[in-house]
C-alpha atoms as a PDB file:
ATOM      1  CA  MET A   1      -1.302   6.755  -2.089  1.00  0.00           C
ATOM      2  CA  CYS A   2      -2.226   9.426  -4.652  1.00  0.00           C
ATOM      3  CA  ASP A   3      -0.074  12.545  -4.148  1.00  0.00           C
ATOM      4  CA  LEU A   4      -3.007  14.836  -4.962  1.00  0.00           C
ATOM      5  CA  LEU A   5      -5.703  13.204  -2.854  1.00  0.00           C
ATOM      6  CA  ARG A   6      -3.760  11.633  -0.016  1.00  0.00           C
ATOM      7  CA  ILE A   7      -5.814  11.885   3.169  1.00  0.00           C
ATOM      8  CA  ASN A   8      -5.512  15.314   4.759  1.00  0.00           C
ATOM      9  CA  VAL A   9      -8.085  15.756   7.510  1.00  0.00           C
ATOM     10  CA  ASP A  10      -6.950  19.340   8.090  1.00  0.00           C
ATOM     11  CA  ARG A  11      -7.661  20.561   4.561  1.00  0.00           C
ATOM     12  CA  GLY A  12     -11.466  20.352   4.601  1.00  0.00           C
ATOM     13  CA  VAL A  13     -11.893  22.247   1.319  1.00  0.00           C
ATOM     14  CA  MET A  14     -11.961  21.492  -2.395  1.00  0.00           C
ATOM     15  CA  ILE A  15      -8.552  21.203  -4.045  1.00  0.00           C
ATOM     16  CA  GLY A  16      -9.418  23.383  -7.055  1.00  0.00           C
ATOM     17  CA  ASP A  17     -10.247  26.648  -5.299  1.00  0.00           C
ATOM     18  CA  GLY A  18      -9.496  26.014  -1.628  1.00  0.00           C
ATOM     19  CA  LYS A  19     -13.141  26.617  -0.668  1.00  0.00           C
ATOM     20  CA  SER A  20     -15.867  24.559   0.997  1.00  0.00           C
ATOM     21  CA  ARG A  21     -19.066  23.624  -0.837  1.00  0.00           C
ATOM     22  CA  PHE A  22     -21.145  23.588   2.363  1.00  0.00           C
ATOM     23  CA  SER A  23     -22.371  26.295   4.694  1.00  0.00           C
ATOM     24  CA  ILE A  24     -25.006  26.963   7.331  1.00  0.00           C
ATOM     25  CA  ASN A  25     -26.152  30.437   8.297  1.00  0.00           C
ATOM     26  CA  GLY A  26     -23.350  31.877   6.226  1.00  0.00           C
ATOM     27  CA  GLN A  27     -20.638  29.894   8.018  1.00  0.00           C
ATOM     28  CA  PRO A  28     -18.590  27.339   6.051  1.00  0.00           C
ATOM     29  CA  ILE A  29     -18.824  23.654   6.925  1.00  0.00           C
ATOM     30  CA  PHE A  30     -15.715  21.738   5.975  1.00  0.00           C
ATOM     31  CA  HIS A  31     -15.369  18.489   4.035  1.00  0.00           C
ATOM     32  CA  PHE A  32     -14.258  15.717   6.379  1.00  0.00           C
ATOM     33  CA  VAL A  33     -11.484  13.681   4.721  1.00  0.00           C
ATOM     34  CA  GLY A  34     -12.524  15.206   1.412  1.00  0.00           C
ATOM     35  CA  THR A  35     -15.808  13.294   1.225  1.00  0.00           C
ATOM     36  CA  SER A  36     -18.351  14.469   3.843  1.00  0.00           C
ATOM     37  CA  THR A  37     -20.414  11.307   3.517  1.00  0.00           C
ATOM     38  CA  PHE A  38     -22.577  12.054   6.557  1.00  0.00           C
ATOM     39  CA  SER A  39     -24.599  14.356   4.304  1.00  0.00           C
ATOM     40  CA  GLU A  40     -27.371  13.189   1.968  1.00  0.00           C
ATOM     41  CA  TYR A  41     -25.759  15.023  -0.948  1.00  0.00           C
ATOM     42  CA  THR A  42     -22.101  15.892  -1.254  1.00  0.00           C
ATOM     43  CA  VAL A  43     -19.530  17.426  -3.575  1.00  0.00           C
ATOM     44  CA  ILE A  44     -16.240  15.569  -3.938  1.00  0.00           C
ATOM     45  CA  HIS A  45     -13.200  15.457  -6.152  1.00  0.00           C
ATOM     46  CA  VAL A  46     -13.704  12.993  -9.013  1.00  0.00           C
ATOM     47  CA  GLY A  47     -10.741  10.980  -7.736  1.00  0.00           C
ATOM     48  CA  CYS A  48     -12.733  10.142  -4.587  1.00  0.00           C
ATOM     49  CA  LEU A  49     -15.608   8.638  -6.540  1.00  0.00           C
ATOM     50  CA  ALA A  50     -15.973   4.941  -7.358  1.00  0.00           C
ATOM     51  CA  LYS A  51     -18.820   3.872  -9.635  1.00  0.00           C
ATOM     52  CA  ILE A  52     -20.310   0.571  -8.490  1.00  0.00           C
ATOM     53  CA  ASN A  53     -23.018  -1.832  -9.604  1.00  0.00           C
ATOM     54  CA  PRO A  54     -26.319   0.112  -9.421  1.00  0.00           C
ATOM     55  CA  GLU A  55     -28.050  -3.025  -8.138  1.00  0.00           C
ATOM     56  CA  ALA A  56     -25.875  -3.110  -5.023  1.00  0.00           C
ATOM     57  CA  PRO A  57     -27.740  -2.129  -1.811  1.00  0.00           C
ATOM     58  CA  LEU A  58     -26.070   1.033  -0.549  1.00  0.00           C
ATOM     59  CA  ASP A  59     -27.060   0.345   3.051  1.00  0.00           C
ATOM     60  CA  LYS A  60     -24.853  -2.746   2.934  1.00  0.00           C
ATOM     61  CA  VAL A  61     -21.957  -2.015   0.570  1.00  0.00           C
ATOM     62  CA  CYS A  62     -21.243   1.356   2.214  1.00  0.00           C
ATOM     63  CA  VAL A  63     -19.212  -0.535   4.827  1.00  0.00           C
ATOM     64  CA  LEU A  64     -16.787  -1.654   2.099  1.00  0.00           C
ATOM     65  CA  SER A  65     -15.452   1.877   1.682  1.00  0.00           C
ATOM     66  CA  CYS A  66     -12.962   1.661   4.550  1.00  0.00           C
ATOM     67  CA  GLY A  67     -12.401  -0.982   7.215  1.00  0.00           C
ATOM     68  CA  ILE A  68     -13.634  -4.139   5.517  1.00  0.00           C
ATOM     69  CA  SER A  69     -11.738  -3.539   2.286  1.00  0.00           C
ATOM     70  CA  THR A  70      -8.638  -2.612   4.290  1.00  0.00           C
ATOM     71  CA  GLY A  71      -8.590  -5.859   6.267  1.00  0.00           C
ATOM     72  CA  LEU A  72      -9.721  -8.076   3.404  1.00  0.00           C
ATOM     73  CA  GLY A  73      -7.119  -6.654   1.039  1.00  0.00           C
ATOM     74  CA  ALA A  74      -4.353  -6.814   3.633  1.00  0.00           C
ATOM     75  CA  THR A  75      -4.751 -10.581   3.619  1.00  0.00           C
ATOM     76  CA  LEU A  76      -5.709 -11.309   0.012  1.00  0.00           C
ATOM     77  CA  ASN A  77      -3.515  -8.705  -1.729  1.00  0.00           C
ATOM     78  CA  VAL A  78      -0.525  -8.299   0.579  1.00  0.00           C
ATOM     79  CA  ALA A  79      -0.095 -11.289   2.911  1.00  0.00           C
ATOM     80  CA  LYS A  80      -1.349 -13.715   0.232  1.00  0.00           C
ATOM     81  CA  PRO A  81      -1.592 -16.859   2.369  1.00  0.00           C
ATOM     82  CA  GLY A  82      -1.558 -20.125   0.486  1.00  0.00           C
ATOM     83  CA  LYS A  83      -4.168 -22.833   0.797  1.00  0.00           C
ATOM     84  CA  GLY A  84      -3.670 -24.790   4.011  1.00  0.00           C
ATOM     85  CA  SER A  85      -1.502 -22.121   5.620  1.00  0.00           C
ATOM     86  CA  THR A  86      -1.558 -20.854   9.202  1.00  0.00           C
ATOM     87  CA  VAL A  87      -2.512 -17.214   9.726  1.00  0.00           C
ATOM     88  CA  ALA A  88      -2.531 -15.072  12.885  1.00  0.00           C
ATOM     89  CA  ILE A  89      -4.736 -11.975  13.086  1.00  0.00           C
ATOM     90  CA  PHE A  90      -3.893  -9.383  15.747  1.00  0.00           C
ATOM     91  CA  GLY A  91      -6.921  -7.334  16.795  1.00  0.00           C
ATOM     92  CA  LEU A  92     -10.453  -8.606  16.202  1.00  0.00           C
ATOM     93  CA  GLY A  93     -12.351  -5.423  15.451  1.00  0.00           C
ATOM     94  CA  ALA A  94     -13.985  -4.893  12.069  1.00  0.00           C
ATOM     95  CA  VAL A  95     -10.649  -4.562  10.232  1.00  0.00           C
ATOM     96  CA  GLY A  96      -9.178  -7.631  11.916  1.00  0.00           C
ATOM     97  CA  LEU A  97     -12.273  -9.728  11.224  1.00  0.00           C
ATOM     98  CA  ALA A  98     -12.150  -8.629   7.594  1.00  0.00           C
ATOM     99  CA  ALA A  99      -8.516  -9.777   7.487  1.00  0.00           C
ATOM    100  CA  MET A 100      -9.692 -13.047   9.021  1.00  0.00           C
ATOM    101  CA  GLU A 101     -12.389 -13.334   6.353  1.00  0.00           C
ATOM    102  CA  GLY A 102      -9.645 -12.920   3.762  1.00  0.00           C
ATOM    103  CA  ALA A 103      -7.692 -15.777   5.329  1.00  0.00           C
ATOM    104  CA  ARG A 104     -10.794 -17.959   5.243  1.00  0.00           C
ATOM    105  CA  LEU A 105     -11.450 -17.130   1.591  1.00  0.00           C
ATOM    106  CA  ALA A 106      -7.803 -17.907   0.784  1.00  0.00           C
ATOM    107  CA  GLY A 107      -8.188 -21.394   2.241  1.00  0.00           C
ATOM    108  CA  ALA A 108      -6.086 -21.077   5.390  1.00  0.00           C
ATOM    109  CA  SER A 109      -6.392 -24.225   7.500  1.00  0.00           C
ATOM    110  CA  ARG A 110      -5.638 -22.576  10.827  1.00  0.00           C
ATOM    111  CA  ILE A 111      -6.624 -19.013  11.715  1.00  0.00           C
ATOM    112  CA  ILE A 112      -5.492 -17.736  15.106  1.00  0.00           C
ATOM    113  CA  GLY A 113      -7.160 -14.668  16.565  1.00  0.00           C
ATOM    114  CA  VAL A 114      -5.153 -12.568  19.018  1.00  0.00           C
ATOM    115  CA  ASP A 115      -6.998 -10.053  21.199  1.00  0.00           C
ATOM    116  CA  VAL A 116      -7.045  -8.883  24.819  1.00  0.00           C
ATOM    117  CA  ASN A 117     -10.861  -9.061  24.878  1.00  0.00           C
ATOM    118  CA  PRO A 118     -11.951 -12.719  25.299  1.00  0.00           C
ATOM    119  CA  ALA A 119     -15.499 -11.841  24.233  1.00  0.00           C
ATOM    120  CA  LYS A 120     -14.211 -11.345  20.680  1.00  0.00           C
ATOM    121  CA  TYR A 121     -13.638 -15.077  20.160  1.00  0.00           C
ATOM    122  CA  GLU A 122     -17.287 -16.053  19.685  1.00  0.00           C
ATOM    123  CA  GLN A 123     -17.779 -13.335  17.084  1.00  0.00           C
ATOM    124  CA  ALA A 124     -14.531 -14.318  15.342  1.00  0.00           C
ATOM    125  CA  LYS A 125     -15.719 -17.901  14.854  1.00  0.00           C
ATOM    126  CA  LYS A 126     -18.156 -16.602  12.227  1.00  0.00           C
ATOM    127  CA  PHE A 127     -15.130 -15.456  10.218  1.00  0.00           C
ATOM    128  CA  GLY A 128     -13.167 -18.694  10.345  1.00  0.00           C
ATOM    129  CA  CYS A 129     -11.249 -18.322  13.610  1.00  0.00           C
ATOM    130  CA  THR A 130      -9.998 -21.746  14.746  1.00  0.00           C
ATOM    131  CA  ASP A 131      -7.885 -20.693  17.763  1.00  0.00           C
ATOM    132  CA  PHE A 132      -7.865 -17.742  20.136  1.00  0.00           C
ATOM    133  CA  VAL A 133      -4.979 -16.303  22.151  1.00  0.00           C
ATOM    134  CA  ASN A 134      -5.335 -13.613  24.801  1.00  0.00           C
ATOM    135  CA  PRO A 135      -1.877 -12.154  25.526  1.00  0.00           C
ATOM    136  CA  LYS A 136      -3.013 -11.382  29.082  1.00  0.00           C
ATOM    137  CA  ASP A 137      -3.380 -15.114  29.779  1.00  0.00           C
ATOM    138  CA  HIS A 138       0.350 -15.750  29.372  1.00  0.00           C
ATOM    139  CA  ASN A 139       3.458 -14.717  31.269  1.00  0.00           C
ATOM    140  CA  LYS A 140       5.638 -14.565  28.176  1.00  0.00           C
ATOM    141  CA  PRO A 141       5.484 -12.575  24.928  1.00  0.00           C
ATOM    142  CA  VAL A 142       2.578 -13.640  22.731  1.00  0.00           C
ATOM    143  CA  GLN A 143       4.935 -14.213  19.789  1.00  0.00           C
ATOM    144  CA  GLU A 144       6.595 -16.993  21.788  1.00  0.00           C
ATOM    145  CA  VAL A 145       3.191 -18.519  22.525  1.00  0.00           C
ATOM    146  CA  LEU A 146       2.316 -18.522  18.821  1.00  0.00           C
ATOM    147  CA  ILE A 147       5.677 -20.003  17.808  1.00  0.00           C
ATOM    148  CA  GLU A 148       5.147 -22.860  20.262  1.00  0.00           C
ATOM    149  CA  MET A 149       1.559 -23.406  19.071  1.00  0.00           C
ATOM    150  CA  THR A 150       2.610 -23.647  15.432  1.00  0.00           C
ATOM    151  CA  ASN A 151       5.924 -25.476  15.696  1.00  0.00           C
ATOM    152  CA  GLY A 152       8.097 -22.595  14.525  1.00  0.00           C
ATOM    153  CA  GLY A 153       5.758 -19.738  13.695  1.00  0.00           C
ATOM    154  CA  VAL A 154       2.778 -18.841  11.538  1.00  0.00           C
ATOM    155  CA  ASP A 155       3.003 -18.566   7.766  1.00  0.00           C
ATOM    156  CA  ARG A 156       1.312 -15.160   7.695  1.00  0.00           C
ATOM    157  CA  SER A 157       0.253 -12.575  10.274  1.00  0.00           C
ATOM    158  CA  VAL A 158      -1.851  -9.435   9.902  1.00  0.00           C
ATOM    159  CA  GLU A 159      -1.752  -6.728  12.583  1.00  0.00           C
ATOM    160  CA  CYS A 160      -4.898  -4.578  12.936  1.00  0.00           C
ATOM    161  CA  THR A 161      -4.514  -2.779  16.271  1.00  0.00           C
ATOM    162  CA  GLY A 162      -2.198   0.186  15.782  1.00  0.00           C
ATOM    163  CA  ASN A 163      -0.365  -0.870  18.959  1.00  0.00           C
ATOM    164  CA  VAL A 164       3.368  -0.918  18.253  1.00  0.00           C
ATOM    165  CA  ASN A 165       3.951  -3.851  20.607  1.00  0.00           C
ATOM    166  CA  ALA A 166       1.351  -5.876  18.716  1.00  0.00           C
ATOM    167  CA  MET A 167       3.132  -4.928  15.495  1.00  0.00           C
ATOM    168  CA  ILE A 168       6.411  -6.257  16.844  1.00  0.00           C
ATOM    169  CA  SER A 169       4.730  -9.456  18.033  1.00  0.00           C
ATOM    170  CA  ALA A 170       3.036  -9.930  14.660  1.00  0.00           C
ATOM    171  CA  PHE A 171       6.393  -9.719  12.910  1.00  0.00           C
ATOM    172  CA  GLU A 172       8.343 -11.876  15.327  1.00  0.00           C
ATOM    173  CA  CYS A 173       5.737 -14.677  15.363  1.00  0.00           C
ATOM    174  CA  VAL A 174       6.065 -15.535  11.665  1.00  0.00           C
ATOM    175  CA  HIS A 175       8.137 -18.517  10.560  1.00  0.00           C
ATOM    176  CA  ASP A 176      11.775 -18.118   9.567  1.00  0.00           C
ATOM    177  CA  GLY A 177      12.412 -18.540   5.864  1.00  0.00           C
ATOM    178  CA  TRP A 178       8.974 -17.705   4.469  1.00  0.00           C
ATOM    179  CA  GLY A 179       6.853 -15.942   7.097  1.00  0.00           C
ATOM    180  CA  VAL A 180       5.241 -12.634   6.123  1.00  0.00           C
ATOM    181  CA  ALA A 181       3.802 -10.060   8.529  1.00  0.00           C
ATOM    182  CA  VAL A 182       1.558  -7.240   7.317  1.00  0.00           C
ATOM    183  CA  LEU A 183       0.984  -4.077   9.365  1.00  0.00           C
ATOM    184  CA  VAL A 184      -2.417  -2.423   8.961  1.00  0.00           C
ATOM    185  CA  GLY A 185      -2.998  -0.477  12.181  1.00  0.00           C
ATOM    186  CA  VAL A 186      -1.895   3.157  12.409  1.00  0.00           C
ATOM    187  CA  PRO A 187       0.592   3.703  15.272  1.00  0.00           C
ATOM    188  CA  HIS A 188       1.089   6.761  17.425  1.00  0.00           C
ATOM    189  CA  ARG A 189       3.368   9.256  15.691  1.00  0.00           C
ATOM    190  CA  GLU A 190       6.050   8.863  18.382  1.00  0.00           C
ATOM    191  CA  ASP A 191       6.084   5.054  18.369  1.00  0.00           C
ATOM    192  CA  GLN A 192       9.199   3.202  17.277  1.00  0.00           C
ATOM    193  CA  PHE A 193       9.294  -0.318  15.873  1.00  0.00           C
ATOM    194  CA  LYS A 194      12.158  -2.239  17.487  1.00  0.00           C
ATOM    195  CA  THR A 195      13.216  -5.765  16.625  1.00  0.00           C
ATOM    196  CA  HIS A 196      16.500  -7.634  16.296  1.00  0.00           C
ATOM    197  CA  PRO A 197      18.076  -7.472  12.802  1.00  0.00           C
ATOM    198  CA  MET A 198      18.482 -11.261  12.856  1.00  0.00           C
ATOM    199  CA  ASN A 199      14.731 -11.525  12.284  1.00  0.00           C
ATOM    200  CA  PHE A 200      15.288 -10.050   8.826  1.00  0.00           C
ATOM    201  CA  LEU A 201      18.422 -12.101   8.190  1.00  0.00           C
ATOM    202  CA  ASN A 202      16.378 -15.195   9.034  1.00  0.00           C
ATOM    203  CA  GLU A 203      14.140 -14.210   6.106  1.00  0.00           C
ATOM    204  CA  LYS A 204      11.045 -13.052   7.887  1.00  0.00           C
ATOM    205  CA  THR A 205       9.306 -10.427   5.735  1.00  0.00           C
ATOM    206  CA  LEU A 206       7.628  -7.266   7.021  1.00  0.00           C
ATOM    207  CA  LYS A 207       5.132  -5.335   4.909  1.00  0.00           C
ATOM    208  CA  GLY A 208       2.674  -2.505   5.393  1.00  0.00           C
ATOM    209  CA  THR A 209      -0.500  -1.577   3.563  1.00  0.00           C
ATOM    210  CA  PHE A 210      -2.955   1.262   3.163  1.00  0.00           C
ATOM    211  CA  PHE A 211      -6.542   0.354   2.252  1.00  0.00           C
ATOM    212  CA  GLY A 212      -5.495  -3.248   1.694  1.00  0.00           C
ATOM    213  CA  ASN A 213      -3.542  -2.383  -1.464  1.00  0.00           C
ATOM    214  CA  TYR A 214      -6.814  -1.726  -3.266  1.00  0.00           C
ATOM    215  CA  LYS A 215      -7.010   1.205  -5.668  1.00  0.00           C
ATOM    216  CA  PRO A 216     -10.388   2.649  -4.662  1.00  0.00           C
ATOM    217  CA  ARG A 217     -11.682   3.832  -8.048  1.00  0.00           C
ATOM    218  CA  THR A 218     -10.786   0.677  -9.961  1.00  0.00           C
ATOM    219  CA  ASP A 219     -10.774  -2.040  -7.297  1.00  0.00           C
ATOM    220  CA  LEU A 220     -13.662  -1.135  -4.993  1.00  0.00           C
ATOM    221  CA  PRO A 221     -16.253  -1.955  -7.701  1.00  0.00           C
ATOM    222  CA  ASN A 222     -14.724  -5.448  -7.857  1.00  0.00           C
ATOM    223  CA  VAL A 223     -15.075  -5.884  -4.092  1.00  0.00           C
ATOM    224  CA  VAL A 224     -18.737  -4.908  -4.437  1.00  0.00           C
ATOM    225  CA  GLU A 225     -19.069  -7.599  -7.101  1.00  0.00           C
ATOM    226  CA  MET A 226     -17.643 -10.146  -4.640  1.00  0.00           C
ATOM    227  CA  TYR A 227     -20.591  -9.278  -2.407  1.00  0.00           C
ATOM    228  CA  MET A 228     -23.100  -9.380  -5.264  1.00  0.00           C
ATOM    229  CA  LYS A 229     -21.848 -12.846  -6.232  1.00  0.00           C
ATOM    230  CA  LYS A 230     -22.186 -13.962  -2.585  1.00  0.00           C
ATOM    231  CA  GLU A 231     -18.440 -14.595  -2.375  1.00  0.00           C
ATOM    232  CA  LEU A 232     -18.189 -12.022   0.425  1.00  0.00           C
ATOM    233  CA  GLU A 233     -20.778 -11.840   3.202  1.00  0.00           C
ATOM    234  CA  VAL A 234     -21.059  -8.220   4.298  1.00  0.00           C
ATOM    235  CA  GLU A 235     -24.094  -8.565   6.587  1.00  0.00           C
ATOM    236  CA  LYS A 236     -22.172 -10.325   9.347  1.00  0.00           C
ATOM    237  CA  PHE A 237     -20.006  -7.226   9.764  1.00  0.00           C
ATOM    238  CA  ILE A 238     -23.041  -5.054  10.532  1.00  0.00           C
ATOM    239  CA  THR A 239     -23.965  -5.209  14.206  1.00  0.00           C
ATOM    240  CA  HIS A 240     -26.265  -2.184  14.531  1.00  0.00           C
ATOM    241  CA  SER A 241     -28.368   0.137  12.404  1.00  0.00           C
ATOM    242  CA  VAL A 242     -29.213   3.476  13.987  1.00  0.00           C
ATOM    243  CA  PRO A 243     -30.784   6.727  12.751  1.00  0.00           C
ATOM    244  CA  PHE A 244     -28.427   9.565  12.032  1.00  0.00           C
ATOM    245  CA  SER A 245     -29.791  11.565  14.960  1.00  0.00           C
ATOM    246  CA  GLU A 246     -28.338   8.862  17.252  1.00  0.00           C
ATOM    247  CA  ILE A 247     -24.860   8.916  15.769  1.00  0.00           C
ATOM    248  CA  ASN A 248     -23.314   9.358  19.225  1.00  0.00           C
ATOM    249  CA  THR A 249     -24.946   6.104  20.288  1.00  0.00           C
ATOM    250  CA  ALA A 250     -23.027   4.400  17.489  1.00  0.00           C
ATOM    251  CA  PHE A 251     -19.763   5.884  18.767  1.00  0.00           C
ATOM    252  CA  ASP A 252     -20.596   4.711  22.296  1.00  0.00           C
ATOM    253  CA  LEU A 253     -21.178   1.163  21.013  1.00  0.00           C
ATOM    254  CA  MET A 254     -17.838   1.259  19.225  1.00  0.00           C
ATOM    255  CA  LEU A 255     -15.965   2.504  22.307  1.00  0.00           C
ATOM    256  CA  LYS A 256     -17.558  -0.232  24.431  1.00  0.00           C
ATOM    257  CA  GLY A 257     -16.439  -2.851  21.910  1.00  0.00           C
ATOM    258  CA  GLU A 258     -20.044  -3.820  21.176  1.00  0.00           C
ATOM    259  CA  GLY A 259     -20.217  -2.636  17.581  1.00  0.00           C
ATOM    260  CA  LEU A 260     -18.215  -3.699  14.531  1.00  0.00           C
ATOM    261  CA  ARG A 261     -19.874  -1.491  11.970  1.00  0.00           C
ATOM    262  CA  CYS A 262     -22.919   0.705  12.503  1.00  0.00           C
ATOM    263  CA  ILE A 263     -25.053   1.802   9.584  1.00  0.00           C
ATOM    264  CA  MET A 264     -26.270   5.402   9.751  1.00  0.00           C
ATOM    265  CA  ARG A 265     -29.824   5.836   8.452  1.00  0.00           C
ATOM    266  CA  MET A 266     -30.699   9.273   7.098  1.00  0.00           C
ATOM    267  CA  GLU A 267     -34.092  10.383   8.404  1.00  0.00           C
ATOM    268  CA  ASP A 268     -36.821  11.498   6.061  1.00  0.00           C
END
């Protein structure tokens, strides 16, 4: 949320002098999201740099820099489910499974995965998923299905799809009086969130988060330590490892729903 470094994918240059640090054949190459981490060496603003345990394997902890920390923190830092609580996770991609992992670590007794792809359930079981709901299997809104399943609504929900209808469902499925919904997915710029005001008067709480409420420079090293202490299992998030020359293969796997996180290997 830093005013100076807030993500600006259009900038592509260093803040200090407005210039790129990369070029090829005299033509500038721009810094993607201010980091350019698909290069073996890079130049970044000091605010984008987090110093971590030098013993940590970079080919594993690199996946903590975005999706996993976002989902994990959304649950642990923002939703904050209590031990024995019921949690619904909307969207079972890498971010959603990280949110599910957070619910498991927090001691949730029931973790309900919600996704339109039934193949996601088997993978989700590794992250503590106890129930699975496919909205396409029902002829009524999925929030009503979840309320019936849980006798009034879930204690916490985390939305990780970016679909505004899923966001509405995630909010409306939480229990009156104490339920908290956390929005993680990024919606389309023209989307509008519509719900009845009585949902707020009935003391449902709606929150949003960016990067799981972690401060990258100070908090990311602590997430790495969770991995080093074997409190957080990163390997199960990694489905493929491909050489950098096959980066488009990794994108194809993602678009087919076959890859959670792909590790890019720099060639010699």
